[in-house]
């Protein structure tokens, strides 16, 4: 696959995946910090876990949300890493 195709995929998916990634990251961070640093009871933090895990979507859609969120993250990572060019073959100098 050409690097231009990875750029196009990355550019197309990034705006779509930003909100689910942002919500997942923020709720996960706040959940952990509220418990560890601020001593908030688990019951009081439970609403964050409901949002973090997509439980508000219901039992049928929760696994789909988690799967698509994970698949989207892997796709963004792969396309981003490929765009950096670290796997590109470099011409060898014959000095």
C-alpha atoms as a PDB file:
ATOM      1  CA  UNK A   1       0.000   0.000   0.000  1.00  0.00           C
ATOM      2  CA  UNK A   2       1.294   3.441  -0.919  1.00  0.00           C
ATOM      3  CA  UNK A   3       1.921   5.998   1.835  1.00  0.00           C
ATOM      4  CA  UNK A   4      -0.592   8.323   0.149  1.00  0.00           C
ATOM      5  CA  UNK A   5      -3.302   5.729   0.705  1.00  0.00           C
ATOM      6  CA  UNK A   6      -2.407   5.527   4.402  1.00  0.00           C
ATOM      7  CA  UNK A   7      -2.582   9.324   4.617  1.00  0.00           C
ATOM      8  CA  UNK A   8      -6.010   9.320   2.988  1.00  0.00           C
ATOM      9  CA  UNK A   9      -7.282   6.606   5.366  1.00  0.00           C
ATOM     10  CA  UNK A  10      -5.808   8.402   8.372  1.00  0.00           C
ATOM     11  CA  UNK A  11      -7.210  11.771   7.302  1.00  0.00           C
ATOM     12  CA  UNK A  12     -10.665  10.269   6.732  1.00  0.00           C
ATOM     13  CA  UNK A  13     -10.881   8.292   9.960  1.00  0.00           C
ATOM     14  CA  UNK A  14      -9.293  10.811  12.345  1.00  0.00           C
ATOM     15  CA  UNK A  15     -12.269  13.212  12.609  1.00  0.00           C
ATOM     16  CA  UNK A  16     -14.710  10.311  12.980  1.00  0.00           C
ATOM     17  CA  UNK A  17     -12.704   8.545  15.691  1.00  0.00           C
ATOM     18  CA  UNK A  18     -11.623  11.607  17.638  1.00  0.00           C
ATOM     19  CA  UNK A  19     -14.734  11.881  19.820  1.00  0.00           C
ATOM     20  CA  UNK A  20     -14.939   8.200  20.884  1.00  0.00           C
ATOM     21  CA  UNK A  21     -11.179   8.145  21.608  1.00  0.00           C
ATOM     22  CA  UNK A  22     -11.353  11.427  23.520  1.00  0.00           C
ATOM     23  CA  UNK A  23     -14.334  10.322  25.622  1.00  0.00           C
ATOM     24  CA  UNK A  24     -12.744   6.962  26.390  1.00  0.00           C
ATOM     25  CA  UNK A  25      -9.412   8.504  27.355  1.00  0.00           C
ATOM     26  CA  UNK A  26     -10.836  11.321  29.492  1.00  0.00           C
ATOM     27  CA  UNK A  27     -13.302   9.143  31.409  1.00  0.00           C
ATOM     28  CA  UNK A  28     -10.625   6.499  32.018  1.00  0.00           C
ATOM     29  CA  UNK A  29      -8.142   9.072  33.311  1.00  0.00           C
ATOM     30  CA  UNK A  30     -10.683  10.831  35.533  1.00  0.00           C
ATOM     31  CA  UNK A  31     -11.930   7.481  36.895  1.00  0.00           C
ATOM     32  CA  UNK A  32      -8.424   6.407  37.885  1.00  0.00           C
ATOM     33  CA  UNK A  33      -7.293   9.768  39.276  1.00  0.00           C
ATOM     34  CA  UNK A  34     -10.508  10.339  41.208  1.00  0.00           C
ATOM     35  CA  UNK A  35      -9.983   7.044  43.006  1.00  0.00           C
ATOM     36  CA  UNK A  36      -6.210   7.133  43.456  1.00  0.00           C
ATOM     37  CA  UNK A  37      -5.520  10.808  44.140  1.00  0.00           C
ATOM     38  CA  UNK A  38      -8.776  12.132  45.501  1.00  0.00           C
ATOM     39  CA  UNK A  39     -10.178   9.069  47.269  1.00  0.00           C
ATOM     40  CA  UNK A  40     -13.576   9.211  45.594  1.00  0.00           C
ATOM     41  CA  UNK A  41     -15.633   6.110  46.372  1.00  0.00           C
ATOM     42  CA  UNK A  42     -16.073   3.550  43.596  1.00  0.00           C
ATOM     43  CA  UNK A  43     -19.858   3.988  43.648  1.00  0.00           C
ATOM     44  CA  UNK A  44     -19.464   7.719  42.994  1.00  0.00           C
ATOM     45  CA  UNK A  45     -17.124   7.069  40.045  1.00  0.00           C
ATOM     46  CA  UNK A  46     -19.296   4.374  38.486  1.00  0.00           C
ATOM     47  CA  UNK A  47     -20.995   6.766  36.036  1.00  0.00           C
ATOM     48  CA  UNK A  48     -17.555   7.395  34.482  1.00  0.00           C
ATOM     49  CA  UNK A  49     -17.145   3.672  33.855  1.00  0.00           C
ATOM     50  CA  UNK A  50     -20.580   3.545  32.247  1.00  0.00           C
ATOM     51  CA  UNK A  51     -19.461   6.208  29.762  1.00  0.00           C
ATOM     52  CA  UNK A  52     -15.932   4.752  29.389  1.00  0.00           C
ATOM     53  CA  UNK A  53     -17.159   1.278  28.465  1.00  0.00           C
ATOM     54  CA  UNK A  54     -20.110   2.411  26.347  1.00  0.00           C
ATOM     55  CA  UNK A  55     -22.700   0.829  28.636  1.00  0.00           C
ATOM     56  CA  UNK A  56     -25.087   3.701  27.911  1.00  0.00           C
ATOM     57  CA  UNK A  57     -25.554   2.212  24.428  1.00  0.00           C
ATOM     58  CA  UNK A  58     -27.185  -0.937  25.818  1.00  0.00           C
ATOM     59  CA  UNK A  59     -26.189  -4.587  25.928  1.00  0.00           C
ATOM     60  CA  UNK A  60     -26.373  -5.115  22.145  1.00  0.00           C
ATOM     61  CA  UNK A  61     -24.313  -2.097  21.102  1.00  0.00           C
ATOM     62  CA  UNK A  62     -21.709  -2.092  23.885  1.00  0.00           C
ATOM     63  CA  UNK A  63     -19.572  -4.902  22.389  1.00  0.00           C
ATOM     64  CA  UNK A  64     -19.784  -3.282  18.954  1.00  0.00           C
ATOM     65  CA  UNK A  65     -18.693   0.080  20.381  1.00  0.00           C
ATOM     66  CA  UNK A  66     -15.740  -1.489  22.195  1.00  0.00           C
ATOM     67  CA  UNK A  67     -14.749  -3.524  19.119  1.00  0.00           C
ATOM     68  CA  UNK A  68     -14.948  -0.556  16.739  1.00  0.00           C
ATOM     69  CA  UNK A  69     -13.125   1.696  19.200  1.00  0.00           C
ATOM     70  CA  UNK A  70     -10.285  -0.838  19.493  1.00  0.00           C
ATOM     71  CA  UNK A  71     -10.197  -1.530  15.761  1.00  0.00           C
ATOM     72  CA  UNK A  72     -10.154   2.197  15.041  1.00  0.00           C
ATOM     73  CA  UNK A  73      -7.287   2.724  17.452  1.00  0.00           C
ATOM     74  CA  UNK A  74      -5.250  -0.054  15.839  1.00  0.00           C
ATOM     75  CA  UNK A  75      -5.992   1.365  12.388  1.00  0.00           C
ATOM     76  CA  UNK A  76      -4.931   4.863  13.397  1.00  0.00           C
ATOM     77  CA  UNK A  77      -1.756   3.531  15.008  1.00  0.00           C
ATOM     78  CA  UNK A  78      -0.790   1.456  11.978  1.00  0.00           C
ATOM     79  CA  UNK A  79      -1.503   4.218   9.485  1.00  0.00           C
ATOM     80  CA  UNK A  80       0.298   6.768  11.668  1.00  0.00           C
ATOM     81  CA  UNK A  81       3.361   4.559  12.121  1.00  0.00           C
ATOM     82  CA  UNK A  82       3.543   3.776   8.404  1.00  0.00           C
ATOM     83  CA  UNK A  83       3.341   7.487   7.592  1.00  0.00           C
ATOM     84  CA  UNK A  84       6.397   8.161   9.773  1.00  0.00           C
ATOM     85  CA  UNK A  85       8.467   6.126   7.322  1.00  0.00           C
ATOM     86  CA  UNK A  86      10.314   4.096   9.944  1.00  0.00           C
ATOM     87  CA  UNK A  87       9.703   0.902   7.965  1.00  0.00           C
ATOM     88  CA  UNK A  88      10.830   2.421   4.703  1.00  0.00           C
ATOM     89  CA  UNK A  89      13.887   0.800   3.193  1.00  0.00           C
ATOM     90  CA  UNK A  90      16.791   3.210   3.125  1.00  0.00           C
ATOM     91  CA  UNK A  91      19.362   3.110   0.384  1.00  0.00           C
ATOM     92  CA  UNK A  92      22.620   1.708   1.688  1.00  0.00           C
ATOM     93  CA  UNK A  93      25.765   3.726   1.281  1.00  0.00           C
ATOM     94  CA  UNK A  94      28.662   1.790  -0.174  1.00  0.00           C
ATOM     95  CA  UNK A  95      31.396   3.833   1.482  1.00  0.00           C
END
